[in-house]
């Protein structure tokens, strides 16, 4: 059975376990209708369109 030669320090262990390096910026795409940034495969919160079809009726404020 493999046995470690030295004890892994707390700093080294915690660096490996931290999830900071795994973080990524959220994916964003432009709306085809209004050009605002939106999450992919979601209805645009700005205009209410999805794939060129109006899905939500948004009141103009």
N, C-alpha and C. Protein backbone atom coordinates (compact mmCIF):
# COMPACT_ATOMS: atom_id res chain seq x y z
N UNK A 1 0.84 -1.18 0.00
CA UNK A 1 0.00 0.00 0.00
C UNK A 1 0.89 1.25 0.00
N UNK A 2 0.53 2.25 -0.78
CA UNK A 2 1.32 3.47 -0.87
C UNK A 2 1.10 4.32 0.37
N UNK A 3 2.20 4.78 0.94
CA UNK A 3 2.14 5.60 2.15
C UNK A 3 2.90 6.89 1.86
N UNK A 4 2.34 8.07 2.18
CA UNK A 4 3.06 9.32 1.93
C UNK A 4 4.33 9.41 2.79
N UNK A 5 5.38 9.95 2.18
CA UNK A 5 6.66 10.05 2.88
C UNK A 5 6.64 11.18 3.91
N UNK A 6 5.92 12.26 3.60
CA UNK A 6 5.85 13.40 4.51
C UNK A 6 4.39 13.82 4.70
N UNK A 7 4.13 14.48 5.82
CA UNK A 7 2.79 14.99 6.11
C UNK A 7 2.50 16.17 5.18
N UNK A 8 1.30 16.19 4.63
CA UNK A 8 0.87 17.32 3.81
C UNK A 8 0.50 18.48 4.73
N UNK A 9 1.10 19.64 4.47
CA UNK A 9 0.83 20.80 5.34
C UNK A 9 -0.61 21.28 5.17
N UNK A 10 -1.09 22.00 6.16
CA UNK A 10 -2.46 22.51 6.12
C UNK A 10 -2.64 23.48 4.96
N UNK A 11 -1.63 24.31 4.71
CA UNK A 11 -1.73 25.29 3.62
C UNK A 11 -1.83 24.59 2.27
N UNK A 12 -1.00 23.57 2.08
CA UNK A 12 -1.01 22.83 0.81
C UNK A 12 -2.33 22.09 0.63
N UNK A 13 -2.81 21.48 1.70
CA UNK A 13 -4.08 20.76 1.67
C UNK A 13 -5.23 21.71 1.34
N UNK A 14 -5.26 22.87 2.02
CA UNK A 14 -6.37 23.81 1.83
C UNK A 14 -6.34 24.47 0.46
N UNK A 15 -5.14 24.70 -0.08
CA UNK A 15 -5.03 25.25 -1.44
C UNK A 15 -5.65 24.29 -2.45
N UNK A 16 -5.41 23.02 -2.25
CA UNK A 16 -5.95 22.01 -3.17
C UNK A 16 -7.46 21.93 -3.05
N UNK A 17 -7.97 22.06 -1.84
CA UNK A 17 -9.40 21.91 -1.61
C UNK A 17 -10.21 23.16 -1.96
N UNK A 18 -9.54 24.30 -2.06
CA UNK A 18 -10.28 25.53 -2.34
C UNK A 18 -10.85 25.48 -3.76
N UNK A 19 -11.99 26.10 -3.92
CA UNK A 19 -12.67 26.08 -5.22
C UNK A 19 -12.48 27.38 -5.97
N UNK A 20 -11.57 28.26 -5.51
CA UNK A 20 -11.39 29.56 -6.14
C UNK A 20 -10.94 29.42 -7.58
N UNK A 21 -10.07 28.48 -7.86
CA UNK A 21 -9.54 28.31 -9.21
C UNK A 21 -10.57 27.72 -10.16
N UNK A 22 -11.65 27.19 -9.62
CA UNK A 22 -12.68 26.58 -10.46
C UNK A 22 -13.73 27.59 -10.94
N UNK A 23 -13.74 28.79 -10.33
CA UNK A 23 -14.76 29.77 -10.68
C UNK A 23 -14.56 30.30 -12.09
N UNK A 24 -15.65 30.48 -12.80
CA UNK A 24 -15.62 31.05 -14.15
C UNK A 24 -16.69 32.12 -14.24
N UNK A 25 -16.51 33.01 -15.16
CA UNK A 25 -17.52 34.03 -15.40
C UNK A 25 -18.74 33.37 -16.04
N UNK A 26 -19.95 33.82 -15.72
CA UNK A 26 -21.12 33.21 -16.31
C UNK A 26 -21.18 33.46 -17.82
N UNK A 27 -21.66 32.49 -18.55
CA UNK A 27 -21.76 32.61 -20.01
C UNK A 27 -22.86 33.62 -20.34
N UNK A 28 -22.57 34.51 -21.26
CA UNK A 28 -23.54 35.52 -21.67
C UNK A 28 -23.59 35.54 -23.20
N UNK A 29 -24.78 35.78 -23.73
CA UNK A 29 -24.94 35.92 -25.17
C UNK A 29 -25.80 37.15 -25.42
N UNK A 30 -25.75 37.65 -26.65
CA UNK A 30 -26.55 38.84 -26.99
C UNK A 30 -27.92 38.41 -27.47
N UNK A 31 -28.91 39.18 -27.09
CA UNK A 31 -30.28 38.95 -27.53
C UNK A 31 -30.37 39.30 -29.01
N UNK A 32 -31.01 38.45 -29.79
CA UNK A 32 -31.17 38.70 -31.23
C UNK A 32 -32.11 39.87 -31.50
N UNK A 33 -33.04 40.11 -30.59
CA UNK A 33 -34.05 41.15 -30.81
C UNK A 33 -33.55 42.53 -30.39
N UNK A 34 -33.07 42.67 -29.13
CA UNK A 34 -32.73 44.00 -28.63
C UNK A 34 -31.23 44.21 -28.45
N UNK A 35 -30.44 43.15 -28.48
CA UNK A 35 -28.99 43.29 -28.36
C UNK A 35 -28.47 43.33 -26.93
N UNK A 36 -29.35 43.17 -25.94
CA UNK A 36 -28.92 43.17 -24.54
C UNK A 36 -28.27 41.82 -24.21
N UNK A 37 -27.39 41.82 -23.20
CA UNK A 37 -26.78 40.57 -22.79
C UNK A 37 -27.77 39.76 -21.97
N UNK A 38 -27.78 38.45 -22.21
CA UNK A 38 -28.69 37.54 -21.50
C UNK A 38 -28.00 36.20 -21.33
N UNK A 39 -28.53 35.37 -20.46
CA UNK A 39 -28.01 34.02 -20.28
C UNK A 39 -28.44 33.18 -21.48
N UNK A 40 -27.58 32.29 -21.98
CA UNK A 40 -27.96 31.48 -23.13
C UNK A 40 -29.11 30.53 -22.80
N UNK A 41 -29.96 30.29 -23.76
CA UNK A 41 -31.13 29.40 -23.64
C UNK A 41 -32.15 29.90 -22.63
N UNK A 42 -32.20 31.22 -22.42
CA UNK A 42 -33.17 31.82 -21.51
C UNK A 42 -33.89 32.95 -22.22
N UNK A 43 -35.06 33.31 -21.72
CA UNK A 43 -35.82 34.44 -22.24
C UNK A 43 -35.08 35.73 -21.86
N UNK A 44 -35.03 36.67 -22.78
CA UNK A 44 -34.39 37.96 -22.51
C UNK A 44 -35.24 38.74 -21.51
N UNK A 45 -34.61 39.20 -20.43
CA UNK A 45 -35.33 39.94 -19.42
C UNK A 45 -35.62 41.37 -19.86
N UNK A 46 -34.91 41.83 -20.87
CA UNK A 46 -35.07 43.20 -21.34
C UNK A 46 -36.29 43.35 -22.25
N UNK A 47 -36.45 42.41 -23.20
CA UNK A 47 -37.54 42.55 -24.18
C UNK A 47 -38.56 41.40 -24.15
N UNK A 48 -38.23 40.26 -23.50
CA UNK A 48 -39.18 39.15 -23.40
C UNK A 48 -39.20 38.23 -24.60
N UNK A 49 -38.19 38.31 -25.47
CA UNK A 49 -38.13 37.45 -26.65
C UNK A 49 -37.23 36.26 -26.42
N UNK A 50 -37.54 35.13 -27.06
CA UNK A 50 -36.68 33.94 -27.05
C UNK A 50 -36.71 33.33 -28.45
N UNK A 51 -35.58 33.25 -29.08
CA UNK A 51 -35.43 32.72 -30.45
C UNK A 51 -36.36 33.43 -31.43
N UNK A 52 -36.46 34.75 -31.29
CA UNK A 52 -37.25 35.55 -32.23
C UNK A 52 -38.74 35.54 -31.99
N UNK A 53 -39.19 34.89 -30.92
CA UNK A 53 -40.62 34.82 -30.62
C UNK A 53 -40.86 35.52 -29.29
N UNK A 54 -41.91 36.37 -29.24
CA UNK A 54 -42.22 37.06 -28.00
C UNK A 54 -42.87 36.07 -27.03
N UNK A 55 -42.21 35.84 -25.90
CA UNK A 55 -42.68 34.89 -24.92
C UNK A 55 -43.34 35.59 -23.75
N UNK A 56 -42.76 36.73 -23.33
CA UNK A 56 -43.31 37.50 -22.23
C UNK A 56 -43.77 38.86 -22.71
N UNK A 57 -44.89 39.30 -22.20
CA UNK A 57 -45.38 40.65 -22.49
C UNK A 57 -44.83 41.57 -21.40
N UNK A 58 -43.86 42.40 -21.76
CA UNK A 58 -43.28 43.33 -20.80
C UNK A 58 -43.83 44.72 -21.04
N UNK A 59 -44.27 45.37 -19.96
CA UNK A 59 -44.79 46.74 -20.07
C UNK A 59 -43.64 47.70 -20.25
N UNK A 60 -43.79 48.65 -21.16
CA UNK A 60 -42.76 49.68 -21.36
C UNK A 60 -42.83 50.67 -20.21
N UNK A 61 -41.72 50.82 -19.52
CA UNK A 61 -41.70 51.73 -18.36
C UNK A 61 -40.98 52.99 -18.68
